[in-house]
Amino acid sequence: MKWTDINDIAIELVEAYPDVDPLSVNFVELRNWVMELPGFDDDPERCGEKILEAIQAAWIEEAE
């Protein structure tokens, strides 16, 4: 997975952290959690605030 695989990342986050409210996760923590996901392989420097916002929004939608 790469940073641009927003929906795949959101699905993985729902499975990895089923009891976590996505709105309670700060971007530093979110970035670290994404990088720890199995199958994630991308440059940490390619991640910015807009990508993290998109991941968080997709995670919220997927969790509903």
N, C-alpha and C. Protein backbone atom coordinates (compact mmCIF):
# COMPACT_ATOMS: atom_id res chain seq x y z
N MET A 1 0.84 -1.18 0.00
CA MET A 1 0.00 0.00 0.00
C MET A 1 0.88 1.24 0.00
N LYS A 2 0.36 2.26 -0.65
CA LYS A 2 1.02 3.56 -0.70
C LYS A 2 0.11 4.59 -0.04
N TRP A 3 0.64 5.79 0.21
CA TRP A 3 -0.15 6.85 0.83
C TRP A 3 -1.41 7.17 0.03
N THR A 4 -1.36 6.97 -1.27
CA THR A 4 -2.50 7.30 -2.12
C THR A 4 -3.61 6.24 -2.08
N ASP A 5 -3.36 5.11 -1.45
CA ASP A 5 -4.37 4.04 -1.32
C ASP A 5 -5.28 4.32 -0.13
N ILE A 6 -5.94 5.47 -0.19
CA ILE A 6 -6.72 5.98 0.94
C ILE A 6 -7.76 4.97 1.44
N ASN A 7 -8.57 4.43 0.53
CA ASN A 7 -9.64 3.52 0.95
C ASN A 7 -9.09 2.22 1.53
N ASP A 8 -8.04 1.68 0.93
CA ASP A 8 -7.43 0.46 1.46
C ASP A 8 -6.87 0.70 2.85
N ILE A 9 -6.26 1.85 3.04
CA ILE A 9 -5.71 2.19 4.36
C ILE A 9 -6.85 2.31 5.37
N ALA A 10 -7.94 2.95 4.99
CA ALA A 10 -9.08 3.11 5.90
C ALA A 10 -9.64 1.76 6.33
N ILE A 11 -9.77 0.84 5.39
CA ILE A 11 -10.27 -0.50 5.71
C ILE A 11 -9.33 -1.19 6.69
N GLU A 12 -8.04 -1.09 6.44
CA GLU A 12 -7.05 -1.70 7.34
C GLU A 12 -7.11 -1.07 8.74
N LEU A 13 -7.31 0.23 8.81
CA LEU A 13 -7.39 0.90 10.11
C LEU A 13 -8.62 0.46 10.89
N VAL A 14 -9.74 0.29 10.20
CA VAL A 14 -10.96 -0.19 10.87
C VAL A 14 -10.72 -1.58 11.45
N GLU A 15 -10.04 -2.42 10.70
CA GLU A 15 -9.76 -3.78 11.17
C GLU A 15 -8.73 -3.79 12.30
N ALA A 16 -7.72 -2.93 12.20
CA ALA A 16 -6.65 -2.92 13.20
C ALA A 16 -7.07 -2.22 14.50
N TYR A 17 -7.94 -1.23 14.38
CA TYR A 17 -8.33 -0.43 15.56
C TYR A 17 -9.85 -0.30 15.61
N PRO A 18 -10.56 -1.42 15.82
CA PRO A 18 -12.03 -1.41 15.75
C PRO A 18 -12.70 -0.56 16.83
N ASP A 19 -12.05 -0.37 17.95
CA ASP A 19 -12.67 0.36 19.06
C ASP A 19 -12.20 1.81 19.17
N VAL A 20 -11.46 2.28 18.16
CA VAL A 20 -10.93 3.64 18.20
C VAL A 20 -11.83 4.57 17.39
N ASP A 21 -12.15 5.72 17.98
CA ASP A 21 -12.88 6.76 17.25
C ASP A 21 -11.87 7.51 16.39
N PRO A 22 -12.01 7.47 15.07
CA PRO A 22 -11.04 8.12 14.19
C PRO A 22 -10.86 9.61 14.48
N LEU A 23 -11.90 10.25 15.01
CA LEU A 23 -11.80 11.67 15.33
C LEU A 23 -10.91 11.94 16.54
N SER A 24 -10.64 10.92 17.33
CA SER A 24 -9.82 11.10 18.53
C SER A 24 -8.33 10.90 18.26
N VAL A 25 -7.99 10.55 17.03
CA VAL A 25 -6.59 10.24 16.69
C VAL A 25 -5.94 11.47 16.07
N ASN A 26 -4.81 11.90 16.65
CA ASN A 26 -4.11 13.04 16.06
C ASN A 26 -3.30 12.57 14.85
N PHE A 27 -2.88 13.52 14.04
CA PHE A 27 -2.23 13.17 12.77
C PHE A 27 -0.87 12.49 12.96
N VAL A 28 -0.15 12.81 14.01
CA VAL A 28 1.13 12.15 14.26
C VAL A 28 0.90 10.67 14.54
N GLU A 29 -0.09 10.39 15.38
CA GLU A 29 -0.43 9.01 15.71
C GLU A 29 -0.97 8.28 14.47
N LEU A 30 -1.84 8.95 13.72
CA LEU A 30 -2.41 8.36 12.52
C LEU A 30 -1.31 7.99 11.53
N ARG A 31 -0.38 8.90 11.32
CA ARG A 31 0.74 8.64 10.40
C ARG A 31 1.53 7.41 10.83
N ASN A 32 1.80 7.32 12.12
CA ASN A 32 2.55 6.17 12.65
C ASN A 32 1.77 4.88 12.48
N TRP A 33 0.48 4.91 12.76
CA TRP A 33 -0.35 3.71 12.63
C TRP A 33 -0.40 3.24 11.19
N VAL A 34 -0.53 4.18 10.25
CA VAL A 34 -0.56 3.80 8.84
C VAL A 34 0.75 3.14 8.44
N MET A 35 1.86 3.71 8.87
CA MET A 35 3.17 3.15 8.51
C MET A 35 3.39 1.77 9.11
N GLU A 36 2.68 1.44 10.20
CA GLU A 36 2.81 0.13 10.85
C GLU A 36 1.88 -0.93 10.25
N LEU A 37 0.97 -0.52 9.37
CA LEU A 37 0.04 -1.49 8.78
C LEU A 37 0.78 -2.52 7.94
N PRO A 38 0.34 -3.79 8.03
CA PRO A 38 0.95 -4.81 7.18
C PRO A 38 0.72 -4.48 5.71
N GLY A 39 1.74 -4.59 4.93
CA GLY A 39 1.61 -4.32 3.51
C GLY A 39 1.83 -2.87 3.13
N PHE A 40 2.00 -1.99 4.12
CA PHE A 40 2.27 -0.59 3.79
C PHE A 40 3.74 -0.42 3.48
N ASP A 41 4.02 0.17 2.34
CA ASP A 41 5.41 0.35 1.93
C ASP A 41 5.52 1.62 1.08
N ASP A 42 5.71 2.75 1.77
CA ASP A 42 5.87 4.01 1.05
C ASP A 42 6.78 4.91 1.88
N ASP A 43 7.30 5.90 1.23
CA ASP A 43 8.22 6.86 1.85
C ASP A 43 7.45 7.73 2.85
N PRO A 44 7.86 7.76 4.10
CA PRO A 44 7.19 8.60 5.10
C PRO A 44 7.16 10.08 4.69
N GLU A 45 8.14 10.51 3.93
CA GLU A 45 8.22 11.91 3.52
C GLU A 45 7.16 12.28 2.48
N ARG A 46 6.51 11.31 1.88
CA ARG A 46 5.49 11.58 0.87
C ARG A 46 4.12 11.86 1.50
N CYS A 47 4.06 11.82 2.81
CA CYS A 47 2.80 12.03 3.52
C CYS A 47 2.71 13.46 4.02
N GLY A 48 1.57 14.09 3.73
CA GLY A 48 1.31 15.43 4.22
C GLY A 48 -0.03 15.51 4.92
N GLU A 49 -0.36 16.70 5.38
CA GLU A 49 -1.60 16.89 6.13
C GLU A 49 -2.83 16.57 5.28
N LYS A 50 -2.82 16.91 4.00
CA LYS A 50 -3.97 16.63 3.14
C LYS A 50 -4.22 15.13 3.00
N ILE A 51 -3.16 14.36 2.90
CA ILE A 51 -3.30 12.90 2.81
C ILE A 51 -3.86 12.35 4.11
N LEU A 52 -3.34 12.83 5.23
CA LEU A 52 -3.83 12.36 6.53
C LEU A 52 -5.30 12.74 6.73
N GLU A 53 -5.69 13.93 6.29
CA GLU A 53 -7.10 14.33 6.38
C GLU A 53 -7.97 13.39 5.55
N ALA A 54 -7.51 13.05 4.35
CA ALA A 54 -8.28 12.15 3.49
C ALA A 54 -8.38 10.76 4.10
N ILE A 55 -7.28 10.27 4.68
CA ILE A 55 -7.30 8.96 5.34
C ILE A 55 -8.27 8.98 6.52
N GLN A 56 -8.21 10.04 7.32
CA GLN A 56 -9.10 10.13 8.48
C GLN A 56 -10.57 10.17 8.02
N ALA A 57 -10.88 10.94 7.00
CA ALA A 57 -12.25 11.02 6.50
C ALA A 57 -12.73 9.67 5.97
N ALA A 58 -11.87 8.97 5.26
CA ALA A 58 -12.23 7.65 4.75
C ALA A 58 -12.40 6.65 5.89
N TRP A 59 -11.57 6.76 6.91
CA TRP A 59 -11.68 5.89 8.08
C TRP A 59 -13.01 6.14 8.79
N ILE A 60 -13.39 7.40 8.95
CA ILE A 60 -14.67 7.72 9.58
C ILE A 60 -15.82 7.11 8.79
N GLU A 61 -15.77 7.28 7.48
CA GLU A 61 -16.83 6.73 6.62
C GLU A 61 -16.87 5.21 6.69
N GLU A 62 -15.71 4.59 6.68
CA GLU A 62 -15.63 3.12 6.71
C GLU A 62 -16.11 2.56 8.06
N ALA A 63 -15.86 3.31 9.13
CA ALA A 63 -16.24 2.85 10.47
C ALA A 63 -17.76 2.92 10.70
N GLU A 64 -18.45 3.71 9.90
CA GLU A 64 -19.90 3.87 10.10
C GLU A 64 -20.72 2.74 9.60
